[in-house]
């Protein structure tokens, strides 16, 4: 069985490549301080997503449950 054939629950497929997301929890990348950093989804492999975050300039892999989709206006702080 190929990974393309796997079945996922709807909540596991909430993100897609190119979505803007906000990380909703603290991370060791930010010295365990809460960060509302915005990033772009590079790859989705439910329940995980690979995201490039602009605050750390790194690609990070996160469970989709801790990522929140944001609009372009929210990402700019408007």
N, C-alpha and C. Protein backbone atom coordinates (compact mmCIF):
# COMPACT_ATOMS: atom_id res chain seq x y z
N UNK A 1 0.85 -1.18 0.00
CA UNK A 1 0.00 0.00 0.00
C UNK A 1 0.89 1.25 0.00
N UNK A 2 0.62 2.14 -0.91
CA UNK A 2 1.38 3.39 -1.00
C UNK A 2 0.83 4.40 0.00
N UNK A 3 1.66 5.36 0.41
CA UNK A 3 1.20 6.37 1.36
C UNK A 3 0.08 7.24 0.76
N UNK A 4 0.02 7.32 -0.56
CA UNK A 4 -1.05 8.08 -1.22
C UNK A 4 -2.41 7.43 -1.02
N UNK A 5 -2.41 6.12 -0.74
CA UNK A 5 -3.65 5.36 -0.61
C UNK A 5 -4.19 5.33 0.81
N UNK A 6 -3.45 5.86 1.76
CA UNK A 6 -3.89 5.81 3.15
C UNK A 6 -5.16 6.63 3.33
N UNK A 7 -6.01 6.17 4.20
CA UNK A 7 -7.25 6.89 4.51
C UNK A 7 -7.04 7.71 5.79
N UNK A 8 -7.48 8.95 5.78
CA UNK A 8 -7.34 9.82 6.94
C UNK A 8 -8.69 10.40 7.32
N UNK A 9 -8.85 10.68 8.59
CA UNK A 9 -10.06 11.33 9.07
C UNK A 9 -10.07 12.77 8.58
N UNK A 10 -11.25 13.38 8.44
CA UNK A 10 -11.31 14.78 7.97
C UNK A 10 -10.49 15.75 8.81
N UNK A 11 -10.47 15.58 10.13
CA UNK A 11 -9.70 16.49 10.97
C UNK A 11 -8.19 16.31 10.81
N UNK A 12 -7.77 15.17 10.25
CA UNK A 12 -6.35 14.94 10.00
C UNK A 12 -5.91 15.57 8.68
N UNK A 13 -6.85 16.01 7.86
CA UNK A 13 -6.53 16.59 6.56
C UNK A 13 -6.91 18.06 6.51
N UNK A 14 -6.80 18.76 7.63
CA UNK A 14 -7.28 20.14 7.64
C UNK A 14 -6.35 21.11 6.90
N UNK A 15 -5.07 20.75 6.72
CA UNK A 15 -4.11 21.64 6.07
C UNK A 15 -3.76 21.14 4.68
N UNK A 16 -3.31 22.09 3.85
CA UNK A 16 -2.79 21.72 2.54
C UNK A 16 -1.54 22.57 2.26
N UNK A 17 -0.73 22.12 1.35
CA UNK A 17 0.49 22.84 0.99
C UNK A 17 0.16 24.27 0.59
N UNK A 18 0.92 25.22 1.15
CA UNK A 18 0.73 26.62 0.82
C UNK A 18 -0.11 27.38 1.83
N UNK A 19 -0.80 26.67 2.74
CA UNK A 19 -1.59 27.35 3.77
C UNK A 19 -0.69 28.14 4.71
N UNK A 20 -1.17 29.29 5.15
CA UNK A 20 -0.49 30.05 6.20
C UNK A 20 -1.04 29.56 7.54
N UNK A 21 -0.14 29.28 8.47
CA UNK A 21 -0.56 28.75 9.77
C UNK A 21 0.14 29.48 10.90
N UNK A 22 -0.46 29.38 12.09
CA UNK A 22 0.14 29.93 13.30
C UNK A 22 0.37 28.77 14.25
N UNK A 23 1.55 28.74 14.86
CA UNK A 23 1.89 27.73 15.85
C UNK A 23 1.29 28.20 17.18
N UNK A 24 0.54 27.35 17.84
CA UNK A 24 -0.21 27.77 19.02
C UNK A 24 0.42 27.36 20.35
N UNK A 25 1.62 26.80 20.35
CA UNK A 25 2.25 26.37 21.60
C UNK A 25 3.72 26.79 21.62
N UNK A 26 4.30 26.74 22.82
CA UNK A 26 5.73 27.05 22.96
C UNK A 26 6.55 25.92 22.33
N UNK A 27 7.77 26.24 21.97
CA UNK A 27 8.64 25.26 21.33
C UNK A 27 10.09 25.46 21.77
N UNK A 28 10.87 24.39 21.68
CA UNK A 28 12.29 24.53 22.03
C UNK A 28 13.01 25.43 21.04
N UNK A 29 12.45 25.62 19.85
CA UNK A 29 13.06 26.52 18.88
C UNK A 29 13.01 27.98 19.36
N UNK A 30 12.07 28.29 20.26
CA UNK A 30 11.92 29.66 20.76
C UNK A 30 12.24 29.73 22.25
N UNK A 31 13.13 28.86 22.72
CA UNK A 31 13.52 28.79 24.14
C UNK A 31 12.32 28.61 25.04
N UNK A 32 11.38 27.80 24.60
CA UNK A 32 10.16 27.44 25.34
C UNK A 32 9.28 28.62 25.70
N UNK A 33 9.40 29.72 24.96
CA UNK A 33 8.48 30.86 25.12
C UNK A 33 7.34 30.65 24.15
N UNK A 34 6.15 31.11 24.56
CA UNK A 34 5.01 31.02 23.66
C UNK A 34 5.29 31.86 22.42
N UNK A 35 4.96 31.32 21.29
CA UNK A 35 5.20 32.02 20.04
C UNK A 35 3.95 31.91 19.17
N UNK A 36 3.50 33.02 18.67
CA UNK A 36 2.38 32.97 17.74
C UNK A 36 2.92 33.14 16.31
N UNK A 37 4.03 32.48 16.07
CA UNK A 37 4.73 32.60 14.80
C UNK A 37 3.88 32.12 13.64
N UNK A 38 4.04 32.79 12.52
CA UNK A 38 3.35 32.43 11.29
C UNK A 38 4.33 31.71 10.37
N UNK A 39 3.81 30.69 9.70
CA UNK A 39 4.64 29.96 8.76
C UNK A 39 3.80 29.48 7.59
N UNK A 40 4.46 28.87 6.63
CA UNK A 40 3.77 28.35 5.44
C UNK A 40 3.97 26.84 5.41
N UNK A 41 2.90 26.12 5.10
CA UNK A 41 2.94 24.66 5.04
C UNK A 41 3.67 24.23 3.77
N UNK A 42 4.72 23.42 3.97
CA UNK A 42 5.50 22.93 2.84
C UNK A 42 5.02 21.57 2.37
N UNK A 43 4.64 20.72 3.34
CA UNK A 43 4.25 19.35 3.01
C UNK A 43 3.30 18.86 4.10
N UNK A 44 2.32 18.09 3.70
CA UNK A 44 1.36 17.52 4.65
C UNK A 44 1.43 16.01 4.58
N UNK A 45 1.62 15.39 5.73
CA UNK A 45 1.55 13.93 5.84
C UNK A 45 0.82 13.64 7.14
N UNK A 46 -0.54 13.62 7.06
CA UNK A 46 -1.39 13.53 8.25
C UNK A 46 -0.94 12.43 9.20
N UNK A 47 -0.98 12.73 10.48
CA UNK A 47 -1.50 13.94 11.11
C UNK A 47 -0.45 15.05 11.24
N UNK A 48 0.68 14.93 10.56
CA UNK A 48 1.76 15.91 10.67
C UNK A 48 1.80 16.85 9.48
N UNK A 49 2.50 17.97 9.67
CA UNK A 49 2.72 18.91 8.59
C UNK A 49 4.11 19.51 8.75
N UNK A 50 4.81 19.66 7.65
CA UNK A 50 6.12 20.30 7.65
C UNK A 50 5.89 21.77 7.31
N UNK A 51 6.37 22.65 8.19
CA UNK A 51 6.09 24.08 8.08
C UNK A 51 7.39 24.88 8.15
N UNK A 52 7.51 25.88 7.30
CA UNK A 52 8.62 26.83 7.40
C UNK A 52 8.11 28.02 8.20
N UNK A 53 8.73 28.26 9.38
CA UNK A 53 8.33 29.38 10.23
C UNK A 53 9.30 30.54 10.03
N UNK A 54 8.72 31.73 9.90
CA UNK A 54 9.50 32.92 9.61
C UNK A 54 10.28 33.43 10.81
N UNK A 55 9.82 33.14 12.05
CA UNK A 55 10.53 33.65 13.23
C UNK A 55 11.84 32.90 13.48
N UNK A 56 11.87 31.61 13.16
CA UNK A 56 13.08 30.81 13.40
C UNK A 56 13.86 30.55 12.12
N UNK A 57 13.26 30.87 10.97
CA UNK A 57 13.88 30.58 9.67
C UNK A 57 14.25 29.11 9.54
N UNK A 58 13.35 28.24 10.06
CA UNK A 58 13.59 26.81 10.01
C UNK A 58 12.34 26.07 9.57
N UNK A 59 12.58 24.89 9.00
CA UNK A 59 11.48 23.98 8.71
C UNK A 59 11.26 23.15 9.96
N UNK A 60 10.02 23.05 10.38
CA UNK A 60 9.67 22.30 11.58
C UNK A 60 8.50 21.38 11.26
N UNK A 61 8.48 20.21 11.89
CA UNK A 61 7.38 19.27 11.71
C UNK A 61 6.50 19.31 12.94
N UNK A 62 5.19 19.53 12.72
CA UNK A 62 4.23 19.67 13.80
C UNK A 62 2.99 18.83 13.55
N UNK A 63 2.36 18.43 14.65
CA UNK A 63 1.05 17.81 14.56
C UNK A 63 0.07 18.90 14.13
N UNK A 64 -0.82 18.60 13.21
CA UNK A 64 -1.75 19.60 12.70
C UNK A 64 -2.67 20.15 13.79
N UNK A 65 -2.83 19.41 14.89
CA UNK A 65 -3.73 19.86 15.96
C UNK A 65 -3.23 21.13 16.63
N UNK A 66 -1.94 21.41 16.57
CA UNK A 66 -1.40 22.61 17.23
C UNK A 66 -1.15 23.75 16.23
N UNK A 67 -1.61 23.56 15.00
CA UNK A 67 -1.47 24.60 13.98
C UNK A 67 -2.85 25.16 13.65
N UNK A 68 -2.89 26.47 13.50
CA UNK A 68 -4.15 27.15 13.21
C UNK A 68 -4.00 27.89 11.88
N UNK A 69 -4.95 27.71 10.98
CA UNK A 69 -4.90 28.40 9.68
C UNK A 69 -5.20 29.89 9.92
N UNK A 70 -4.39 30.75 9.28
CA UNK A 70 -4.60 32.20 9.39
C UNK A 70 -4.72 32.79 7.99
N UNK A 71 -5.37 33.95 7.91
CA UNK A 71 -5.49 34.65 6.63
C UNK A 71 -4.25 35.48 6.40
N UNK A 72 -4.08 35.97 5.19
CA UNK A 72 -2.94 36.84 4.88
C UNK A 72 -2.97 38.10 5.71
N UNK A 73 -4.14 38.65 5.95
CA UNK A 73 -4.27 39.86 6.77
C UNK A 73 -3.86 39.61 8.21
N UNK A 74 -4.28 38.46 8.77
CA UNK A 74 -3.89 38.11 10.14
C UNK A 74 -2.38 37.91 10.23
N UNK A 75 -1.81 37.30 9.21
CA UNK A 75 -0.36 37.03 9.19
C UNK A 75 0.43 38.32 9.21
N UNK A 76 -0.10 39.39 8.57
CA UNK A 76 0.57 40.68 8.54
C UNK A 76 0.28 41.51 9.78
N UNK A 77 -0.65 41.03 10.61
CA UNK A 77 -0.98 41.75 11.83
C UNK A 77 -2.00 42.86 11.60
N UNK A 78 -2.75 42.79 10.53
CA UNK A 78 -3.74 43.82 10.22
C UNK A 78 -5.11 43.45 10.74
